[in-house]
Amino acid sequence: MRTLQVEGTAQLRDGTKDHQADPDAINTYNVKLALAVWRSLHLTGSFDQNPASGRSVRHVFARTMGVESDIGSLKFRGQYGIEREYTTAKQSQAVNIGFDLRLTHWDTLSTTFEGHDLFDDTLSATTIYRLAFTHRLGSAFDLSVGGSVTRRSVSGVDAPDQDEVKGEAKLGLHF
């Protein structure tokens, strides 16, 4: 990775429709930034205003910042983001923190914490804990076993009827 990498797009839309002002013709801006502070420490960030997906445009301001570090057998990644809809009173924030520990050349233990908060008419929160073990079977295959626990709450009160516990096993083919 280069020391500094900046990437961005702007989509400027025609603000008229049948010679009248078009309120749906809003511009889209996107900027991404990556900075390699050291060989093993990378900082990332992004800013989105009115991101488009297909023909629809979302009326939001979104910002994220993150860090990635790879020191010896430990890999760390973290990201924090805020998204605000400016046509409503809706705001969300998300945090994602993960660690990968290489036990051997073939084995990796991974853990992740995800937290999502939505501020709207009510405050809802989702917390996800993940744990996985991956064993490489040569250069072309790997076997992963993992699981996750998802907890939800609404207005600060746990919603145990919406909790989820999942487990999975995967056989991966790399080509």
N, C-alpha and C. Protein backbone atom coordinates (compact mmCIF):
# COMPACT_ATOMS: atom_id res chain seq x y z
N MET A 1 0.83 -1.18 0.00
CA MET A 1 0.00 0.00 0.00
C MET A 1 0.87 1.24 0.00
N ARG A 2 0.47 2.22 -0.74
CA ARG A 2 1.19 3.49 -0.76
C ARG A 2 1.03 4.18 0.59
N THR A 3 1.82 5.21 0.83
CA THR A 3 1.73 5.94 2.08
C THR A 3 0.39 6.64 2.23
N LEU A 4 -0.09 7.32 1.19
CA LEU A 4 -1.37 8.01 1.22
C LEU A 4 -2.15 7.70 -0.04
N GLN A 5 -3.39 7.29 0.12
CA GLN A 5 -4.23 6.98 -1.03
C GLN A 5 -5.56 7.70 -0.84
N VAL A 6 -5.94 8.53 -1.81
CA VAL A 6 -7.19 9.27 -1.77
C VAL A 6 -7.98 8.92 -3.02
N GLU A 7 -9.25 8.63 -2.83
CA GLU A 7 -10.12 8.24 -3.94
C GLU A 7 -11.45 8.95 -3.73
N GLY A 8 -12.03 9.45 -4.78
CA GLY A 8 -13.30 10.13 -4.63
C GLY A 8 -14.09 10.22 -5.92
N THR A 9 -15.38 10.42 -5.75
CA THR A 9 -16.25 10.60 -6.90
C THR A 9 -17.25 11.71 -6.59
N ALA A 10 -17.71 12.35 -7.63
CA ALA A 10 -18.77 13.35 -7.52
C ALA A 10 -19.71 13.13 -8.69
N GLN A 11 -20.99 13.10 -8.40
CA GLN A 11 -21.99 12.95 -9.44
C GLN A 11 -22.90 14.17 -9.36
N LEU A 12 -22.73 15.06 -10.33
CA LEU A 12 -23.51 16.29 -10.36
C LEU A 12 -24.70 16.09 -11.27
N ARG A 13 -25.88 16.30 -10.72
CA ARG A 13 -27.11 16.02 -11.47
C ARG A 13 -27.74 17.32 -11.98
N ASP A 14 -28.46 17.22 -13.08
CA ASP A 14 -29.20 18.36 -13.64
C ASP A 14 -30.32 18.72 -12.67
N GLY A 15 -30.37 19.97 -12.23
CA GLY A 15 -31.33 20.40 -11.23
C GLY A 15 -32.67 20.85 -11.77
N THR A 16 -32.95 20.56 -13.03
CA THR A 16 -34.24 20.97 -13.59
C THR A 16 -34.93 19.77 -14.23
N LYS A 17 -36.25 19.85 -14.25
CA LYS A 17 -37.06 18.81 -14.88
C LYS A 17 -38.24 19.53 -15.53
N ASP A 18 -38.33 19.46 -16.83
CA ASP A 18 -39.37 20.18 -17.59
C ASP A 18 -39.31 21.68 -17.28
N HIS A 19 -38.11 22.23 -17.25
CA HIS A 19 -37.84 23.64 -17.00
C HIS A 19 -38.30 24.10 -15.61
N GLN A 20 -38.45 23.16 -14.66
CA GLN A 20 -38.79 23.48 -13.27
C GLN A 20 -37.70 22.90 -12.38
N ALA A 21 -37.51 23.49 -11.19
CA ALA A 21 -36.53 22.97 -10.25
C ALA A 21 -36.93 21.56 -9.82
N ASP A 22 -35.97 20.64 -9.86
CA ASP A 22 -36.20 19.23 -9.50
C ASP A 22 -35.63 18.99 -8.11
N PRO A 23 -36.47 18.82 -7.08
CA PRO A 23 -35.96 18.62 -5.72
C PRO A 23 -35.25 17.28 -5.53
N ASP A 24 -35.48 16.32 -6.43
CA ASP A 24 -34.84 15.01 -6.32
C ASP A 24 -33.47 14.97 -6.99
N ALA A 25 -33.08 16.04 -7.64
CA ALA A 25 -31.79 16.07 -8.34
C ALA A 25 -30.72 16.61 -7.40
N ILE A 26 -30.27 15.77 -6.50
CA ILE A 26 -29.25 16.17 -5.53
C ILE A 26 -27.92 15.54 -5.95
N ASN A 27 -26.85 16.23 -5.65
CA ASN A 27 -25.52 15.76 -6.02
C ASN A 27 -25.04 14.71 -5.04
N THR A 28 -24.17 13.83 -5.53
CA THR A 28 -23.59 12.76 -4.74
C THR A 28 -22.08 12.96 -4.66
N TYR A 29 -21.54 12.87 -3.43
CA TYR A 29 -20.11 13.01 -3.21
C TYR A 29 -19.62 11.83 -2.38
N ASN A 30 -18.42 11.34 -2.70
CA ASN A 30 -17.82 10.23 -1.99
C ASN A 30 -16.32 10.43 -1.96
N VAL A 31 -15.72 10.35 -0.78
CA VAL A 31 -14.27 10.46 -0.63
C VAL A 31 -13.80 9.33 0.28
N LYS A 32 -12.76 8.62 -0.12
CA LYS A 32 -12.15 7.57 0.70
C LYS A 32 -10.68 7.90 0.88
N LEU A 33 -10.18 7.61 2.06
CA LEU A 33 -8.80 7.93 2.41
C LEU A 33 -8.17 6.74 3.09
N ALA A 34 -6.94 6.44 2.73
CA ALA A 34 -6.16 5.38 3.39
C ALA A 34 -4.75 5.92 3.60
N LEU A 35 -4.27 5.77 4.81
CA LEU A 35 -2.95 6.26 5.18
C LEU A 35 -2.17 5.15 5.85
N ALA A 36 -1.01 4.81 5.29
CA ALA A 36 -0.13 3.81 5.89
C ALA A 36 0.87 4.55 6.78
N VAL A 37 0.58 4.58 8.07
CA VAL A 37 1.45 5.27 9.02
C VAL A 37 2.78 4.53 9.11
N TRP A 38 2.71 3.22 9.31
CA TRP A 38 3.86 2.32 9.26
C TRP A 38 3.47 1.15 8.37
N ARG A 39 4.41 0.30 8.15
CA ARG A 39 4.13 -0.87 7.31
C ARG A 39 3.00 -1.72 7.90
N SER A 40 2.90 -1.78 9.22
CA SER A 40 1.90 -2.63 9.85
C SER A 40 0.73 -1.86 10.46
N LEU A 41 0.61 -0.55 10.19
CA LEU A 41 -0.49 0.25 10.73
C LEU A 41 -1.10 1.11 9.64
N HIS A 42 -2.37 0.88 9.36
CA HIS A 42 -3.08 1.62 8.31
C HIS A 42 -4.31 2.29 8.91
N LEU A 43 -4.52 3.55 8.55
CA LEU A 43 -5.70 4.30 8.95
C LEU A 43 -6.58 4.49 7.73
N THR A 44 -7.89 4.37 7.90
CA THR A 44 -8.82 4.52 6.80
C THR A 44 -9.94 5.48 7.21
N GLY A 45 -10.58 6.05 6.22
CA GLY A 45 -11.72 6.93 6.49
C GLY A 45 -12.50 7.16 5.22
N SER A 46 -13.75 7.56 5.40
CA SER A 46 -14.58 7.85 4.23
C SER A 46 -15.64 8.87 4.60
N PHE A 47 -16.12 9.57 3.59
CA PHE A 47 -17.22 10.52 3.72
C PHE A 47 -18.13 10.34 2.53
N ASP A 48 -19.42 10.20 2.79
CA ASP A 48 -20.42 10.06 1.73
C ASP A 48 -21.53 11.08 1.97
N GLN A 49 -21.93 11.75 0.90
CA GLN A 49 -23.09 12.63 0.97
C GLN A 49 -24.02 12.23 -0.16
N ASN A 50 -25.23 11.87 0.19
CA ASN A 50 -26.25 11.44 -0.78
C ASN A 50 -25.77 10.27 -1.63
N PRO A 51 -25.34 9.17 -1.03
CA PRO A 51 -24.86 8.05 -1.84
C PRO A 51 -25.97 7.46 -2.70
N ALA A 52 -25.60 7.05 -3.89
CA ALA A 52 -26.56 6.48 -4.84
C ALA A 52 -26.34 4.99 -4.95
N SER A 53 -27.44 4.26 -5.01
CA SER A 53 -27.37 2.83 -5.30
C SER A 53 -28.42 2.57 -6.38
N GLY A 54 -27.92 2.36 -7.57
CA GLY A 54 -28.82 2.21 -8.72
C GLY A 54 -29.43 3.57 -9.06
N ARG A 55 -30.74 3.62 -9.15
CA ARG A 55 -31.43 4.88 -9.49
C ARG A 55 -31.86 5.65 -8.25
N SER A 56 -31.78 5.04 -7.06
CA SER A 56 -32.23 5.74 -5.86
C SER A 56 -31.05 6.42 -5.17
N VAL A 57 -31.35 7.57 -4.58
CA VAL A 57 -30.35 8.35 -3.86
C VAL A 57 -30.81 8.48 -2.42
N ARG A 58 -29.94 8.16 -1.49
CA ARG A 58 -30.27 8.27 -0.07
C ARG A 58 -29.85 9.65 0.42
N HIS A 59 -30.70 10.32 1.17
CA HIS A 59 -30.44 11.66 1.69
C HIS A 59 -29.71 11.54 3.03
N VAL A 60 -28.42 11.22 2.99
CA VAL A 60 -27.65 11.01 4.22
C VAL A 60 -26.26 11.64 4.11
N PHE A 61 -25.71 11.91 5.29
CA PHE A 61 -24.30 12.19 5.46
C PHE A 61 -23.73 10.99 6.21
N ALA A 62 -22.68 10.38 5.70
CA ALA A 62 -22.09 9.21 6.35
C ALA A 62 -20.58 9.42 6.46
N ARG A 63 -20.04 9.09 7.63
CA ARG A 63 -18.61 9.20 7.89
C ARG A 63 -18.14 7.94 8.60
N THR A 64 -16.98 7.43 8.19
CA THR A 64 -16.38 6.30 8.88
C THR A 64 -14.90 6.56 9.06
N MET A 65 -14.35 5.96 10.11
CA MET A 65 -12.90 5.96 10.29
C MET A 65 -12.51 4.61 10.86
N GLY A 66 -11.33 4.17 10.48
CA GLY A 66 -10.92 2.84 10.89
C GLY A 66 -9.42 2.72 11.02
N VAL A 67 -9.01 1.60 11.59
CA VAL A 67 -7.60 1.29 11.76
C VAL A 67 -7.40 -0.21 11.52
N GLU A 68 -6.27 -0.55 10.91
CA GLU A 68 -5.89 -1.94 10.69
C GLU A 68 -4.43 -2.09 11.07
N SER A 69 -4.13 -3.13 11.81
CA SER A 69 -2.75 -3.35 12.23
C SER A 69 -2.45 -4.84 12.17
N ASP A 70 -1.26 -5.16 11.71
CA ASP A 70 -0.83 -6.54 11.59
C ASP A 70 0.56 -6.63 12.21
N ILE A 71 0.63 -7.14 13.45
CA ILE A 71 1.90 -7.23 14.17
C ILE A 71 2.14 -8.68 14.53
N GLY A 72 3.12 -9.27 13.90
CA GLY A 72 3.44 -10.66 14.18
C GLY A 72 2.27 -11.57 13.88
N SER A 73 1.83 -12.33 14.88
CA SER A 73 0.74 -13.27 14.67
C SER A 73 -0.62 -12.68 15.02
N LEU A 74 -0.69 -11.38 15.37
CA LEU A 74 -1.95 -10.74 15.74
C LEU A 74 -2.34 -9.69 14.71
N LYS A 75 -3.57 -9.77 14.25
CA LYS A 75 -4.10 -8.77 13.32
C LYS A 75 -5.29 -8.11 14.00
N PHE A 76 -5.31 -6.78 14.01
CA PHE A 76 -6.38 -6.01 14.63
C PHE A 76 -7.04 -5.15 13.57
N ARG A 77 -8.37 -5.01 13.67
CA ARG A 77 -9.09 -4.11 12.78
C ARG A 77 -10.23 -3.48 13.58
N GLY A 78 -10.45 -2.23 13.33
CA GLY A 78 -11.53 -1.53 14.00
C GLY A 78 -12.09 -0.45 13.09
N GLN A 79 -13.38 -0.21 13.22
CA GLN A 79 -14.02 0.81 12.39
C GLN A 79 -15.19 1.40 13.16
N TYR A 80 -15.36 2.72 13.02
CA TYR A 80 -16.48 3.43 13.64
C TYR A 80 -17.12 4.30 12.58
N GLY A 81 -18.44 4.29 12.52
CA GLY A 81 -19.14 5.07 11.51
C GLY A 81 -20.42 5.69 12.04
N ILE A 82 -20.74 6.85 11.49
CA ILE A 82 -21.98 7.55 11.81
C ILE A 82 -22.69 7.88 10.50
N GLU A 83 -24.00 7.69 10.50
CA GLU A 83 -24.80 8.04 9.32
C GLU A 83 -26.02 8.83 9.80
N ARG A 84 -26.25 9.98 9.19
CA ARG A 84 -27.38 10.83 9.58
C ARG A 84 -28.23 11.14 8.36
N GLU A 85 -29.53 10.84 8.45
CA GLU A 85 -30.47 11.21 7.40
C GLU A 85 -30.91 12.64 7.67
N TYR A 86 -30.65 13.53 6.74
CA TYR A 86 -30.94 14.93 7.01
C TYR A 86 -32.36 15.34 6.67
N THR A 87 -33.17 14.45 6.11
CA THR A 87 -34.58 14.78 5.87
C THR A 87 -35.47 14.26 7.00
N THR A 88 -34.92 13.45 7.89
CA THR A 88 -35.64 12.94 9.06
C THR A 88 -34.74 13.12 10.27
N ALA A 89 -35.21 12.70 11.41
CA ALA A 89 -34.41 12.78 12.63
C ALA A 89 -33.70 11.46 12.90
N LYS A 90 -33.38 10.72 11.87
CA LYS A 90 -32.80 9.39 12.02
C LYS A 90 -31.28 9.46 11.96
N GLN A 91 -30.64 8.79 12.93
CA GLN A 91 -29.18 8.71 12.95
C GLN A 91 -28.79 7.32 13.41
N SER A 92 -27.73 6.79 12.82
CA SER A 92 -27.23 5.48 13.23
C SER A 92 -25.73 5.55 13.40
N GLN A 93 -25.23 4.68 14.26
CA GLN A 93 -23.79 4.56 14.43
C GLN A 93 -23.44 3.09 14.55
N ALA A 94 -22.24 2.77 14.11
CA ALA A 94 -21.80 1.38 14.11
C ALA A 94 -20.33 1.31 14.50
N VAL A 95 -20.00 0.29 15.25
CA VAL A 95 -18.62 0.02 15.62
C VAL A 95 -18.34 -1.45 15.30
N ASN A 96 -17.15 -1.72 14.79
CA ASN A 96 -16.76 -3.06 14.42
C ASN A 96 -15.31 -3.24 14.85
N ILE A 97 -15.05 -4.18 15.75
CA ILE A 97 -13.71 -4.43 16.26
C ILE A 97 -13.41 -5.92 16.11
N GLY A 98 -12.27 -6.25 15.56
CA GLY A 98 -11.93 -7.65 15.38
C GLY A 98 -10.47 -7.96 15.59
N PHE A 99 -10.20 -9.19 16.03
CA PHE A 99 -8.84 -9.68 16.21
C PHE A 99 -8.71 -11.02 15.52
N ASP A 100 -7.60 -11.22 14.83
CA ASP A 100 -7.25 -12.53 14.27
C ASP A 100 -5.92 -12.94 14.90
N LEU A 101 -5.88 -14.13 15.46
CA LEU A 101 -4.66 -14.66 16.05
C LEU A 101 -4.24 -15.88 15.26
N ARG A 102 -3.07 -15.77 14.60
CA ARG A 102 -2.53 -16.91 13.86
C ARG A 102 -1.83 -17.83 14.86
N LEU A 103 -2.46 -18.97 15.12
CA LEU A 103 -1.91 -19.92 16.07
C LEU A 103 -0.73 -20.68 15.47
N THR A 104 -0.89 -21.10 14.22
CA THR A 104 0.18 -21.73 13.45
C THR A 104 0.07 -21.20 12.03
N HIS A 105 0.92 -21.67 11.16
CA HIS A 105 0.85 -21.27 9.75
C HIS A 105 -0.49 -21.66 9.14
N TRP A 106 -1.13 -22.71 9.67
CA TRP A 106 -2.37 -23.22 9.10
C TRP A 106 -3.62 -22.83 9.88
N ASP A 107 -3.48 -22.40 11.13
CA ASP A 107 -4.64 -22.18 12.01
C ASP A 107 -4.76 -20.73 12.44
N THR A 108 -6.00 -20.20 12.38
CA THR A 108 -6.29 -18.83 12.79
C THR A 108 -7.55 -18.82 13.64
N LEU A 109 -7.49 -18.09 14.75
CA LEU A 109 -8.63 -17.88 15.62
C LEU A 109 -9.07 -16.43 15.45
N SER A 110 -10.35 -16.22 15.13
CA SER A 110 -10.87 -14.87 14.85
C SER A 110 -12.02 -14.55 15.78
N THR A 111 -12.05 -13.32 16.24
CA THR A 111 -13.16 -12.85 17.06
C THR A 111 -13.54 -11.45 16.62
N THR A 112 -14.83 -11.14 16.67
CA THR A 112 -15.34 -9.85 16.21
C THR A 112 -16.45 -9.38 17.15
N PHE A 113 -16.47 -8.08 17.39
CA PHE A 113 -17.55 -7.43 18.11
C PHE A 113 -18.16 -6.39 17.18
N GLU A 114 -19.47 -6.41 17.03
CA GLU A 114 -20.18 -5.42 16.23
C GLU A 114 -21.28 -4.80 17.07
N GLY A 115 -21.36 -3.48 17.04
CA GLY A 115 -22.42 -2.79 17.74
C GLY A 115 -23.09 -1.81 16.79
N HIS A 116 -24.42 -1.85 16.73
CA HIS A 116 -25.20 -0.98 15.86
C HIS A 116 -26.27 -0.30 16.70
N ASP A 117 -26.30 1.02 16.65
CA ASP A 117 -27.32 1.80 17.36
C ASP A 117 -28.09 2.61 16.34
N LEU A 118 -29.41 2.64 16.49
CA LEU A 118 -30.27 3.42 15.61
C LEU A 118 -31.10 4.36 16.47
N PHE A 119 -30.92 5.66 16.22
CA PHE A 119 -31.68 6.68 16.93
C PHE A 119 -32.77 7.17 15.98
N ASP A 120 -34.00 6.81 16.30
CA ASP A 120 -35.14 7.19 15.47
C ASP A 120 -36.26 7.55 16.43
N ASP A 121 -37.47 7.07 16.19
CA ASP A 121 -38.55 7.27 17.15
C ASP A 121 -38.20 6.60 18.47
N THR A 122 -37.50 5.49 18.40
CA THR A 122 -37.03 4.78 19.58
C THR A 122 -35.54 4.52 19.40
N LEU A 123 -34.88 4.16 20.46
CA LEU A 123 -33.48 3.78 20.40
C LEU A 123 -33.42 2.26 20.31
N SER A 124 -32.87 1.75 19.22
CA SER A 124 -32.70 0.31 19.12
C SER A 124 -31.21 0.02 18.96
N ALA A 125 -30.80 -1.08 19.56
CA ALA A 125 -29.39 -1.46 19.53
C ALA A 125 -29.26 -2.94 19.21
N THR A 126 -28.24 -3.26 18.45
CA THR A 126 -27.92 -4.65 18.12
C THR A 126 -26.44 -4.87 18.42
N THR A 127 -26.15 -5.93 19.15
CA THR A 127 -24.78 -6.29 19.48
C THR A 127 -24.53 -7.71 19.00
N ILE A 128 -23.43 -7.90 18.27
CA ILE A 128 -23.11 -9.21 17.71
C ILE A 128 -21.69 -9.59 18.14
N TYR A 129 -21.56 -10.80 18.67
CA TYR A 129 -20.26 -11.37 19.03
C TYR A 129 -20.02 -12.56 18.12
N ARG A 130 -18.84 -12.60 17.48
CA ARG A 130 -18.51 -13.71 16.58
C ARG A 130 -17.19 -14.35 17.01
N LEU A 131 -17.11 -15.66 16.82
CA LEU A 131 -15.90 -16.41 17.09
C LEU A 131 -15.77 -17.46 16.01
N ALA A 132 -14.57 -17.60 15.44
CA ALA A 132 -14.36 -18.57 14.36
C ALA A 132 -12.95 -19.16 14.45
N PHE A 133 -12.83 -20.37 13.99
CA PHE A 133 -11.54 -21.06 13.88
C PHE A 133 -11.40 -21.52 12.44
N THR A 134 -10.27 -21.20 11.81
CA THR A 134 -10.02 -21.57 10.42
C THR A 134 -8.75 -22.40 10.34
N HIS A 135 -8.83 -23.52 9.66
CA HIS A 135 -7.67 -24.39 9.43
C HIS A 135 -7.46 -24.50 7.92
N ARG A 136 -6.26 -24.12 7.47
CA ARG A 136 -5.93 -24.23 6.05
C ARG A 136 -5.57 -25.67 5.73
N LEU A 137 -6.15 -26.17 4.66
CA LEU A 137 -5.87 -27.53 4.19
C LEU A 137 -5.08 -27.41 2.89
N GLY A 138 -3.82 -27.06 2.99
CA GLY A 138 -3.02 -26.82 1.79
C GLY A 138 -3.26 -25.41 1.29
N SER A 139 -2.86 -25.16 0.04
CA SER A 139 -2.99 -23.80 -0.50
C SER A 139 -4.35 -23.55 -1.14
N ALA A 140 -5.14 -24.60 -1.40
CA ALA A 140 -6.39 -24.41 -2.13
C ALA A 140 -7.64 -24.52 -1.27
N PHE A 141 -7.56 -25.15 -0.10
CA PHE A 141 -8.74 -25.39 0.71
C PHE A 141 -8.54 -24.85 2.13
N ASP A 142 -9.66 -24.49 2.77
CA ASP A 142 -9.63 -24.22 4.20
C ASP A 142 -10.97 -24.65 4.80
N LEU A 143 -10.94 -24.95 6.08
CA LEU A 143 -12.12 -25.37 6.83
C LEU A 143 -12.33 -24.38 7.96
N SER A 144 -13.53 -23.80 8.05
CA SER A 144 -13.85 -22.83 9.09
C SER A 144 -15.04 -23.31 9.90
N VAL A 145 -14.93 -23.14 11.21
CA VAL A 145 -16.01 -23.44 12.13
C VAL A 145 -16.20 -22.19 12.98
N GLY A 146 -17.44 -21.72 13.07
CA GLY A 146 -17.66 -20.50 13.83
C GLY A 146 -19.08 -20.35 14.29
N GLY A 147 -19.30 -19.26 14.99
CA GLY A 147 -20.63 -18.99 15.49
C GLY A 147 -20.77 -17.54 15.87
N SER A 148 -22.02 -17.14 16.14
CA SER A 148 -22.28 -15.77 16.54
C SER A 148 -23.45 -15.74 17.51
N VAL A 149 -23.43 -14.73 18.36
CA VAL A 149 -24.53 -14.45 19.29
C VAL A 149 -24.96 -13.03 19.00
N THR A 150 -26.26 -12.84 18.74
CA THR A 150 -26.82 -11.52 18.46
C THR A 150 -27.80 -11.15 19.56
N ARG A 151 -27.58 -9.96 20.16
CA ARG A 151 -28.47 -9.45 21.21
C ARG A 151 -29.10 -8.16 20.70
N ARG A 152 -30.39 -7.98 20.98
CA ARG A 152 -31.09 -6.77 20.55
C ARG A 152 -31.77 -6.12 21.75
N SER A 153 -31.90 -4.79 21.68
CA SER A 153 -32.65 -4.06 22.70
C SER A 153 -33.39 -2.90 22.03
N VAL A 154 -34.51 -2.51 22.63
CA VAL A 154 -35.32 -1.41 22.14
C VAL A 154 -35.56 -0.47 23.31
N SER A 155 -35.22 0.80 23.13
CA SER A 155 -35.36 1.82 24.17
C SER A 155 -34.67 1.42 25.47
N GLY A 156 -33.52 0.78 25.36
CA GLY A 156 -32.73 0.39 26.52
C GLY A 156 -33.20 -0.87 27.22
N VAL A 157 -34.23 -1.53 26.71
CA VAL A 157 -34.75 -2.76 27.32
C VAL A 157 -34.39 -3.94 26.42
N ASP A 158 -33.76 -4.96 27.01
CA ASP A 158 -33.40 -6.14 26.23
C ASP A 158 -34.63 -6.79 25.63
N ALA A 159 -34.47 -7.29 24.42
CA ALA A 159 -35.54 -8.02 23.72
C ALA A 159 -35.10 -9.46 23.54
N PRO A 160 -35.20 -10.29 24.61
CA PRO A 160 -34.67 -11.66 24.52
C PRO A 160 -35.37 -12.52 23.49
N ASP A 161 -36.60 -12.17 23.10
CA ASP A 161 -37.28 -12.96 22.08
C ASP A 161 -36.68 -12.75 20.70
N GLN A 162 -35.82 -11.73 20.53
CA GLN A 162 -35.19 -11.46 19.24
C GLN A 162 -33.71 -11.89 19.21
N ASP A 163 -33.20 -12.45 20.31
CA ASP A 163 -31.81 -12.90 20.34
C ASP A 163 -31.61 -14.09 19.41
N GLU A 164 -30.41 -14.19 18.84
CA GLU A 164 -30.09 -15.28 17.91
C GLU A 164 -28.75 -15.90 18.28
N VAL A 165 -28.66 -17.19 18.15
CA VAL A 165 -27.41 -17.92 18.29
C VAL A 165 -27.25 -18.74 17.01
N LYS A 166 -26.13 -18.56 16.31
CA LYS A 166 -25.91 -19.26 15.06
C LYS A 166 -24.55 -19.97 15.09
N GLY A 167 -24.48 -21.08 14.40
CA GLY A 167 -23.24 -21.79 14.22
C GLY A 167 -23.12 -22.19 12.76
N GLU A 168 -21.88 -22.30 12.28
CA GLU A 168 -21.70 -22.68 10.88
C GLU A 168 -20.36 -23.35 10.68
N ALA A 169 -20.29 -24.14 9.65
CA ALA A 169 -19.05 -24.77 9.21
C ALA A 169 -18.95 -24.54 7.71
N LYS A 170 -17.76 -24.16 7.24
CA LYS A 170 -17.57 -23.87 5.83
C LYS A 170 -16.31 -24.57 5.32
N LEU A 171 -16.41 -25.05 4.10
CA LEU A 171 -15.25 -25.56 3.40
C LEU A 171 -14.98 -24.59 2.25
N GLY A 172 -13.82 -23.95 2.27
CA GLY A 172 -13.50 -22.94 1.26
C GLY A 172 -12.54 -23.48 0.22
N LEU A 173 -12.75 -23.03 -1.01
CA LEU A 173 -11.87 -23.37 -2.13
C LEU A 173 -11.30 -22.06 -2.67
N HIS A 174 -9.99 -21.96 -2.73
CA HIS A 174 -9.32 -20.75 -3.21
C HIS A 174 -8.72 -21.01 -4.57
N PHE A 175 -9.06 -20.16 -5.52
CA PHE A 175 -8.47 -20.30 -6.87
C PHE A 175 -8.27 -18.95 -7.47
